[in-house]
């Protein structure tokens, strides 16, 4: 035994997990529970223990939680488009899966449960910047499932005393994201292949883009901050960027300014505007984003060139 606290990261063999375990590995004994449906063992450092299992399987979750002091619950079906196509499958992973992990955590005596929620998809279209007082009005089953999971986090704090913290992530980008279908990955792949970047809608839709390094800082702080169970925090930059502006920035950092853009139909369930205040996270966690979008995109493009576009 190392004497260090034991941390379980569900969905840890994905984009966020690959970054988080590298940040925390020196201070925690990290165990990852992942079904490897979208994640990959190749994303994990060799010293991280991997348990292959599904968050909807109570036995697999209970086994993975053995000896755990805290949980970071990242496992999710993360596609808005897929949730519109099959809302029941999305609910099964995001709502029922979260409830399964919460219940196993309280039976295992886990001290802290940090939940990966979402900002824009949960709140819906609202004048920005949104904050923790904004009323959730999801436009997609994905957003609805995350709202249900947040509610269960609050209920498990109130009913069982589990210290739950829900972090509403902004739109993430950064290294170890080559397998994702997010907009930055899509634009970089188009730039590398010499294809036009496809923008759904007129390009005026906005997002709050957060570098994964800043997110991992917030997750790290959430594991030790003295906050009550049932806390919900937006983790964002409060900077609003249109998709057309993002496309131009991606082209610039890739050394291809003026690269062609094609516009396609708007996709059902996606919000038109998304920007959030991180003021409460700053007050409660001491969180403040440090990576500018231009610098973050430049570093991410370099990572793609080294690890994906070889």
Protein backbone atom coordinates (compact mmCIF):
# COMPACT_ATOMS: atom_id res chain seq x y z
CA UNK A 1 0.00 0.00 0.00
CA UNK A 2 1.29 3.44 -0.95
CA UNK A 3 -0.59 5.37 1.74
CA UNK A 4 -1.97 7.67 -0.93
CA UNK A 5 -5.75 8.11 -1.36
CA UNK A 6 -7.42 5.76 -3.83
CA UNK A 7 -9.30 7.39 -6.69
CA UNK A 8 -11.68 5.67 -9.10
CA UNK A 9 -12.15 7.41 -12.47
CA UNK A 10 -15.07 6.02 -14.47
CA UNK A 11 -14.70 6.49 -18.21
CA UNK A 12 -11.05 7.22 -17.50
CA UNK A 13 -9.78 5.71 -20.76
CA UNK A 14 -11.24 8.59 -22.74
CA UNK A 15 -10.19 12.14 -23.59
CA UNK A 16 -10.64 13.81 -20.19
CA UNK A 17 -9.52 10.74 -18.28
CA UNK A 18 -6.28 10.45 -20.24
CA UNK A 19 -5.39 13.98 -19.17
CA UNK A 20 -6.69 13.69 -15.61
CA UNK A 21 -4.85 10.48 -14.66
CA UNK A 22 -1.57 12.02 -15.83
CA UNK A 23 -2.17 15.01 -13.59
CA UNK A 24 -3.21 13.04 -10.50
CA UNK A 25 -1.09 9.91 -10.78
CA UNK A 26 1.64 11.24 -8.53
CA UNK A 27 -0.73 11.98 -5.63
CA UNK A 28 -3.41 9.31 -5.92
CA UNK A 29 -3.54 5.60 -6.53
CA UNK A 30 -5.69 5.82 -9.65
CA UNK A 31 -7.96 3.05 -10.85
CA UNK A 32 -9.96 3.41 -14.08
CA UNK A 33 -13.27 1.71 -14.82
CA UNK A 34 -14.03 1.82 -18.54
CA UNK A 35 -16.05 -0.33 -20.92
CA UNK A 36 -13.60 0.53 -23.75
CA UNK A 37 -16.56 1.05 -26.11
CA UNK A 38 -15.25 4.52 -26.96
CA UNK A 39 -12.17 4.68 -24.70
CA UNK A 40 -8.88 2.89 -25.26
CA UNK A 41 -6.30 1.29 -22.99
CA UNK A 42 -3.67 2.90 -25.22
CA UNK A 43 -4.62 6.33 -23.82
CA UNK A 44 -3.61 5.35 -20.28
CA UNK A 45 -0.12 5.37 -18.74
CA UNK A 46 1.06 1.84 -17.92
CA UNK A 47 1.05 2.44 -14.15
CA UNK A 48 -2.72 3.14 -14.06
CA UNK A 49 -4.87 0.16 -13.07
CA UNK A 50 -7.61 -0.52 -15.63
CA UNK A 51 -10.79 -2.44 -14.81
CA UNK A 52 -12.81 -3.22 -17.92
CA UNK A 53 -16.49 -2.92 -17.05
CA UNK A 54 -19.70 -0.98 -17.59
CA UNK A 55 -21.06 1.66 -15.20
CA UNK A 56 -24.52 0.09 -15.61
CA UNK A 57 -23.26 -3.18 -14.10
CA UNK A 58 -23.60 -2.98 -10.28
CA UNK A 59 -21.16 -5.84 -9.66
CA UNK A 60 -18.46 -4.37 -11.90
CA UNK A 61 -18.87 -0.96 -10.26
CA UNK A 62 -18.78 -2.40 -6.73
CA UNK A 63 -15.60 -4.33 -7.50
CA UNK A 64 -13.92 -1.27 -9.00
CA UNK A 65 -14.85 0.81 -5.94
CA UNK A 66 -13.07 -1.51 -3.50
CA UNK A 67 -10.91 0.67 -1.25
CA UNK A 68 -11.78 3.89 -3.09
CA UNK A 69 -11.82 7.17 -1.18
CA UNK A 70 -13.22 9.26 -4.03
CA UNK A 71 -14.81 8.94 -7.48
CA UNK A 72 -14.57 11.12 -10.56
CA UNK A 73 -17.49 9.99 -12.71
CA UNK A 74 -16.61 10.80 -16.33
CA UNK A 75 -18.27 7.82 -18.04
CA UNK A 76 -21.03 9.02 -20.38
CA UNK A 77 -22.66 8.75 -23.76
CA UNK A 78 -21.51 12.18 -24.87
CA UNK A 79 -23.08 12.85 -28.26
CA UNK A 80 -26.04 15.22 -28.57
CA UNK A 81 -26.73 13.90 -32.09
CA UNK A 82 -26.71 10.26 -30.93
CA UNK A 83 -29.01 11.12 -28.03
CA UNK A 84 -31.57 12.55 -30.43
CA UNK A 85 -31.36 9.41 -32.55
CA UNK A 86 -31.70 7.06 -29.55
CA UNK A 87 -32.83 8.80 -26.35
CA UNK A 88 -33.28 5.54 -24.41
CA UNK A 89 -29.69 4.41 -24.98
CA UNK A 90 -28.44 7.81 -23.85
CA UNK A 91 -30.62 7.73 -20.71
CA UNK A 92 -29.42 4.23 -19.90
CA UNK A 93 -25.77 5.30 -19.71
CA UNK A 94 -26.04 8.87 -18.46
CA UNK A 95 -28.89 8.66 -15.94
CA UNK A 96 -29.11 5.00 -14.93
CA UNK A 97 -25.35 4.56 -15.13
CA UNK A 98 -24.77 7.55 -12.85
CA UNK A 99 -27.36 6.27 -10.37
CA UNK A 100 -25.65 2.87 -10.34
CA UNK A 101 -22.25 4.43 -9.55
CA UNK A 102 -23.74 6.76 -6.92
CA UNK A 103 -25.45 3.91 -5.11
CA UNK A 104 -22.35 1.72 -5.18
CA UNK A 105 -20.28 4.66 -3.91
CA UNK A 106 -22.51 5.24 -0.89
CA UNK A 107 -22.49 1.53 -0.02
CA UNK A 108 -18.68 1.49 -0.36
CA UNK A 109 -18.32 4.43 2.04
CA UNK A 110 -16.77 6.72 -0.57
CA UNK A 111 -16.09 10.19 0.82
CA UNK A 112 -16.45 12.29 -2.34
CA UNK A 113 -18.15 11.98 -5.72
CA UNK A 114 -17.29 14.40 -8.54
CA UNK A 115 -19.72 14.25 -11.46
CA UNK A 116 -18.98 15.37 -15.03
CA UNK A 117 -22.04 17.36 -16.06
CA UNK A 118 -22.57 19.80 -18.92
CA UNK A 119 -23.41 23.46 -19.24
CA UNK A 120 -24.94 24.38 -22.58
CA UNK A 121 -26.79 21.15 -23.30
CA UNK A 122 -28.36 21.19 -19.83
CA UNK A 123 -29.33 24.85 -19.58
CA UNK A 124 -30.37 25.18 -23.24
CA UNK A 125 -30.71 28.47 -25.10
CA UNK A 126 -30.45 31.27 -22.56
CA UNK A 127 -28.98 34.78 -22.51
CA UNK A 128 -25.38 34.39 -21.43
CA UNK A 129 -23.35 34.11 -19.48
CA UNK A 130 -25.41 31.46 -17.70
CA UNK A 131 -24.62 30.48 -14.12
CA UNK A 132 -25.75 28.11 -11.40
CA UNK A 133 -29.05 29.99 -10.96
CA UNK A 134 -30.03 29.51 -14.62
CA UNK A 135 -33.06 27.25 -15.01
CA UNK A 136 -32.27 24.03 -16.94
CA UNK A 137 -34.25 23.75 -20.19
CA UNK A 138 -32.46 21.01 -22.15
CA UNK A 139 -32.98 20.86 -25.91
CA UNK A 140 -31.64 17.31 -26.28
CA UNK A 141 -32.01 13.98 -24.49
CA UNK A 142 -28.29 14.27 -23.69
CA UNK A 143 -28.91 17.47 -21.72
CA UNK A 144 -31.96 15.94 -20.04
CA UNK A 145 -29.98 12.88 -18.95
CA UNK A 146 -27.28 15.05 -17.42
CA UNK A 147 -29.93 17.08 -15.60
CA UNK A 148 -31.41 13.87 -14.18
CA UNK A 149 -27.97 12.70 -13.08
CA UNK A 150 -27.31 16.05 -11.36
CA UNK A 151 -30.60 15.65 -9.52
CA UNK A 152 -29.54 12.21 -8.26
CA UNK A 153 -26.22 13.67 -7.09
CA UNK A 154 -28.15 16.23 -5.06
CA UNK A 155 -30.49 13.54 -3.72
CA UNK A 156 -27.62 11.30 -2.62
CA UNK A 157 -26.06 14.23 -0.79
CA UNK A 158 -29.34 15.00 0.93
CA UNK A 159 -30.42 11.44 1.69
CA UNK A 160 -27.12 9.66 2.38
CA UNK A 161 -24.58 12.38 3.15
CA UNK A 162 -22.42 11.61 0.10
CA UNK A 163 -20.32 14.68 -0.74
CA UNK A 164 -21.25 15.12 -4.38
CA UNK A 165 -19.95 17.90 -6.64
CA UNK A 166 -21.35 18.36 -10.16
CA UNK A 167 -19.13 20.29 -12.54
CA UNK A 168 -20.86 21.69 -15.60
CA UNK A 169 -18.16 21.58 -18.25
CA UNK A 170 -17.90 24.04 -21.11
CA UNK A 171 -16.96 22.72 -24.58
CA UNK A 172 -13.69 20.87 -24.17
CA UNK A 173 -10.68 20.52 -26.43
CA UNK A 174 -7.03 19.61 -26.05
CA UNK A 175 -4.59 16.69 -26.36
CA UNK A 176 -5.64 13.03 -26.20
CA UNK A 177 -8.83 13.86 -28.13
CA UNK A 178 -8.01 12.23 -31.46
CA UNK A 179 -10.86 9.71 -31.10
CA UNK A 180 -13.51 12.33 -30.34
CA UNK A 181 -16.09 13.72 -32.74
CA UNK A 182 -16.02 17.26 -31.33
CA UNK A 183 -15.81 20.34 -33.50
CA UNK A 184 -12.08 21.01 -32.92
CA UNK A 185 -11.19 17.42 -33.86
CA UNK A 186 -13.44 17.64 -36.93
CA UNK A 187 -11.88 20.91 -38.07
CA UNK A 188 -8.31 19.67 -37.54
CA UNK A 189 -8.98 16.47 -39.47
CA UNK A 190 -10.43 18.50 -42.34
CA UNK A 191 -7.44 20.85 -42.32
CA UNK A 192 -4.99 17.96 -42.35
CA UNK A 193 -6.83 16.21 -45.20
CA UNK A 194 -7.27 19.37 -47.27
CA UNK A 195 -11.07 19.18 -47.07
CA UNK A 196 -13.35 22.13 -46.33
CA UNK A 197 -14.30 22.56 -42.67
CA UNK A 198 -18.02 21.82 -42.33
CA UNK A 199 -20.00 24.19 -40.09
CA UNK A 200 -23.56 23.22 -39.18
CA UNK A 201 -25.81 26.27 -39.37
CA UNK A 202 -24.79 29.78 -40.39
CA UNK A 203 -21.65 29.80 -38.23
CA UNK A 204 -23.08 32.28 -35.76
CA UNK A 205 -23.77 29.72 -33.02
CA UNK A 206 -21.47 30.27 -30.08
CA UNK A 207 -19.67 28.07 -27.58
CA UNK A 208 -17.47 28.51 -24.51
CA UNK A 209 -14.29 26.56 -25.30
CA UNK A 210 -12.33 25.28 -22.31
CA UNK A 211 -8.91 23.64 -22.53
CA UNK A 212 -8.79 20.24 -20.88
CA UNK A 213 -5.83 21.35 -18.74
CA UNK A 214 -8.05 23.97 -17.10
CA UNK A 215 -10.82 21.43 -16.62
CA UNK A 216 -8.44 18.98 -14.95
CA UNK A 217 -7.38 21.75 -12.59
CA UNK A 218 -11.02 22.17 -11.54
CA UNK A 219 -11.47 18.42 -11.13
CA UNK A 220 -8.31 18.26 -9.03
CA UNK A 221 -9.51 21.09 -6.80
CA UNK A 222 -12.94 19.46 -6.44
CA UNK A 223 -11.35 16.41 -4.80
CA UNK A 224 -10.09 18.39 -1.81
CA UNK A 225 -12.20 21.57 -1.61
CA UNK A 226 -14.27 22.03 1.54
CA UNK A 227 -17.67 22.21 -0.16
CA UNK A 228 -21.03 20.77 0.90
CA UNK A 229 -22.54 17.79 -0.87
CA UNK A 230 -24.93 18.71 -3.65
CA UNK A 231 -22.73 21.53 -4.94
CA UNK A 232 -23.05 22.43 -8.64
CA UNK A 233 -20.47 24.61 -10.41
CA UNK A 234 -19.94 25.86 -13.94
CA UNK A 235 -16.38 25.32 -15.17
CA UNK A 236 -15.95 27.61 -18.16
CA UNK A 237 -14.07 30.64 -19.51
CA UNK A 238 -16.90 33.22 -19.84
CA UNK A 239 -15.57 33.88 -23.37
CA UNK A 240 -18.08 33.43 -26.21
CA UNK A 241 -16.69 32.25 -29.56
CA UNK A 242 -18.71 31.66 -32.71
CA UNK A 243 -18.15 28.50 -34.74
CA UNK A 244 -17.03 30.61 -37.70
CA UNK A 245 -14.47 32.34 -35.44
CA UNK A 246 -13.30 28.94 -34.20
CA UNK A 247 -12.86 27.68 -37.77
CA UNK A 248 -10.73 30.71 -38.63
CA UNK A 249 -8.58 30.23 -35.51
CA UNK A 250 -8.09 26.53 -36.27
CA UNK A 251 -6.98 27.39 -39.79
CA UNK A 252 -4.55 30.02 -38.50
CA UNK A 253 -2.83 27.78 -35.94
CA UNK A 254 -2.57 25.05 -38.58
CA UNK A 255 -0.79 27.47 -40.92
CA UNK A 256 -3.69 27.43 -43.39
CA UNK A 257 -5.40 30.83 -43.05
CA UNK A 258 -8.38 31.24 -45.34
CA UNK A 259 -9.00 27.48 -45.55
CA UNK A 260 -12.45 26.91 -47.10
CA UNK A 261 -15.54 26.45 -44.95
CA UNK A 262 -18.79 24.80 -46.01
CA UNK A 263 -22.09 25.34 -44.23
CA UNK A 264 -24.53 22.48 -43.66
CA UNK A 265 -27.93 22.16 -41.99
CA UNK A 266 -28.26 22.92 -38.31
CA UNK A 267 -28.41 19.76 -36.20
CA UNK A 268 -31.43 19.06 -34.02
CA UNK A 269 -30.95 19.45 -30.27
CA UNK A 270 -27.94 21.77 -30.39
CA UNK A 271 -28.07 25.16 -28.68
CA UNK A 272 -27.45 28.40 -30.55
CA UNK A 273 -25.61 30.17 -27.75
CA UNK A 274 -23.46 28.83 -24.93
CA UNK A 275 -21.27 30.84 -22.58
CA UNK A 276 -21.05 30.45 -18.80
CA UNK A 277 -19.74 32.35 -15.81
CA UNK A 278 -17.11 30.60 -13.67
CA UNK A 279 -17.46 33.12 -10.80
CA UNK A 280 -18.82 30.63 -8.27
CA UNK A 281 -16.16 28.04 -9.15
CA UNK A 282 -13.56 30.75 -8.60
CA UNK A 283 -15.04 31.57 -5.18
CA UNK A 284 -15.51 27.96 -4.08
CA UNK A 285 -12.55 26.18 -5.71
CA UNK A 286 -10.12 28.96 -6.52
CA UNK A 287 -10.56 27.97 -10.18
CA UNK A 288 -9.60 30.35 -12.96
CA UNK A 289 -8.95 29.35 -16.59
CA UNK A 290 -5.40 30.05 -17.72
CA UNK A 291 -5.17 28.76 -21.32
CA UNK A 292 -6.28 31.18 -24.05
CA UNK A 293 -8.17 29.69 -26.99
CA UNK A 294 -5.46 30.60 -29.49
CA UNK A 295 -2.66 29.14 -27.38
CA UNK A 296 -4.71 26.07 -26.53
CA UNK A 297 -5.58 25.40 -30.17
CA UNK A 298 -1.95 25.85 -31.22
CA UNK A 299 -0.81 23.31 -28.63
CA UNK A 300 -3.60 20.92 -29.59
CA UNK A 301 -2.69 21.15 -33.29
CA UNK A 302 0.91 20.33 -32.39
CA UNK A 303 -0.28 17.30 -30.42
CA UNK A 304 -2.39 16.13 -33.37
CA UNK A 305 0.57 16.48 -35.74
CA UNK A 306 2.76 14.40 -33.41
CA UNK A 307 0.26 11.75 -32.31
CA UNK A 308 -2.54 11.55 -34.89
CA UNK A 309 -1.30 12.87 -38.25
CA UNK A 310 1.96 10.94 -38.38
